[in-house]
Amino acid sequence: MAWRGQLSRNLKELRILFCQTSPASSSARAFVERNYKDFKTLNPKFPFLIRECSGTRPQLWARYDMGVETGIQLEGLTEEQISNAIEDLVKLGATLKG
């Protein structure tokens, strides 16, 4: 999982949005609870933003250089699939730099 240390090199910001109570957001909430500390330890100054809002569908947004953003709907994804989605966004950020 070396890619976790690449967040600040390949992304400008990562936002996870979800509802505090809805079943559709349960995997996103669990992912944040289990992984946030690790991400922040490896990328202490990186803006890894958590946005909780009642009724919000779970989603993930990555912002790259020049304001380019990519969003992914997280509803129905497992924690492992969410981790894989973030890894793919980090790899995409590496290709956008070239």
Protein backbone atom coordinates (compact mmCIF):
# COMPACT_ATOMS: atom_id res chain seq x y z
CA MET A 1 0.00 0.00 0.00
CA ALA A 2 2.84 2.36 -0.81
CA TRP A 3 0.40 4.43 -2.86
CA ARG A 4 -1.06 5.82 0.40
CA GLY A 5 2.13 7.82 0.88
CA GLN A 6 1.75 9.25 -2.65
CA LEU A 7 -1.46 11.18 -1.95
CA SER A 8 0.21 14.53 -1.43
CA ARG A 9 2.43 14.07 -4.49
CA ASN A 10 -0.35 13.19 -6.94
CA LEU A 11 -3.44 14.95 -5.57
CA LYS A 12 -4.21 18.42 -4.26
CA GLU A 13 -7.20 17.36 -2.15
CA LEU A 14 -9.36 14.33 -1.39
CA ARG A 15 -12.96 14.72 -0.17
CA ILE A 16 -15.26 11.99 1.09
CA LEU A 17 -18.92 12.90 1.48
CA PHE A 18 -21.49 10.74 3.24
CA CYS A 19 -24.56 10.70 5.47
CA GLN A 20 -24.00 10.07 9.19
CA THR A 21 -26.89 7.61 9.49
CA SER A 22 -27.96 6.15 6.14
CA PRO A 23 -27.25 2.47 5.36
CA ALA A 24 -25.99 3.50 1.90
CA SER A 25 -23.12 5.39 3.57
CA SER A 26 -22.14 2.66 6.03
CA SER A 27 -19.12 1.43 4.04
CA ALA A 28 -17.85 4.98 3.52
CA ARG A 29 -18.19 5.72 7.25
CA ALA A 30 -16.41 2.48 8.16
CA PHE A 31 -13.64 3.20 5.65
CA VAL A 32 -13.00 6.62 7.16
CA GLU A 33 -13.07 5.28 10.73
CA ARG A 34 -10.51 2.58 9.89
CA ASN A 35 -8.23 4.46 7.50
CA TYR A 36 -8.23 8.21 8.21
CA LYS A 37 -5.47 8.04 10.83
CA ASP A 38 -3.19 6.06 8.49
CA PHE A 39 -3.73 8.51 5.60
CA LYS A 40 -3.02 11.52 7.83
CA THR A 41 0.06 9.89 9.39
CA LEU A 42 1.54 9.29 5.93
CA ASN A 43 0.39 12.68 4.55
CA PRO A 44 0.17 15.05 7.53
CA LYS A 45 -0.34 18.28 5.58
CA PHE A 46 -2.55 16.81 2.86
CA PRO A 47 -6.18 18.06 2.86
CA PHE A 48 -8.12 14.81 3.36
CA LEU A 49 -11.58 16.26 3.96
CA ILE A 50 -14.53 14.44 5.49
CA ARG A 51 -17.96 15.97 4.83
CA GLU A 52 -20.96 14.58 6.68
CA CYS A 53 -24.40 15.79 5.66
CA SER A 54 -27.78 14.24 6.30
CA GLY A 55 -29.18 12.61 3.16
CA THR A 56 -25.97 12.89 1.14
CA ARG A 57 -25.11 9.93 -1.04
CA PRO A 58 -21.61 8.61 -0.40
CA GLN A 59 -19.09 9.96 -2.87
CA LEU A 60 -15.40 10.60 -3.28
CA TRP A 61 -13.81 13.60 -5.00
CA ALA A 62 -10.18 14.02 -5.95
CA ARG A 63 -8.79 17.41 -6.98
CA TYR A 64 -5.65 17.56 -9.11
CA ASP A 65 -3.49 20.37 -10.51
CA MET A 66 -5.23 23.15 -12.41
CA GLY A 67 -8.54 22.51 -10.60
CA VAL A 68 -9.26 19.23 -12.40
CA GLU A 69 -11.64 17.09 -10.31
CA THR A 70 -12.82 13.50 -10.56
CA GLY A 71 -15.75 12.11 -8.59
CA ILE A 72 -16.83 8.55 -7.80
CA GLN A 73 -20.12 7.37 -6.29
CA LEU A 74 -19.42 5.06 -3.34
CA GLU A 75 -22.91 3.66 -2.80
CA GLY A 76 -22.80 -0.13 -2.88
CA LEU A 77 -19.00 -0.33 -2.66
CA THR A 78 -17.16 -2.25 0.04
CA GLU A 79 -14.33 -0.74 2.08
CA GLU A 80 -11.82 -2.60 -0.09
CA GLN A 81 -13.42 -1.24 -3.26
CA ILE A 82 -13.27 2.29 -1.82
CA SER A 83 -9.57 1.80 -1.08
CA ASN A 84 -9.04 0.55 -4.64
CA ALA A 85 -10.91 3.58 -6.02
CA ILE A 86 -8.64 5.96 -4.09
CA GLU A 87 -5.58 4.05 -5.32
CA ASP A 88 -6.81 4.45 -8.91
CA LEU A 89 -7.31 8.21 -8.36
CA VAL A 90 -3.77 8.52 -6.98
CA LYS A 91 -2.39 6.69 -10.03
CA LEU A 92 -4.44 8.92 -12.32
CA GLY A 93 -2.89 11.95 -10.63
CA ALA A 94 0.58 10.64 -11.48
CA THR A 95 -0.35 10.43 -15.18
CA LEU A 96 -1.80 13.96 -15.21
CA LYS A 97 1.52 15.41 -14.04
CA GLY A 98 3.40 14.17 -17.08
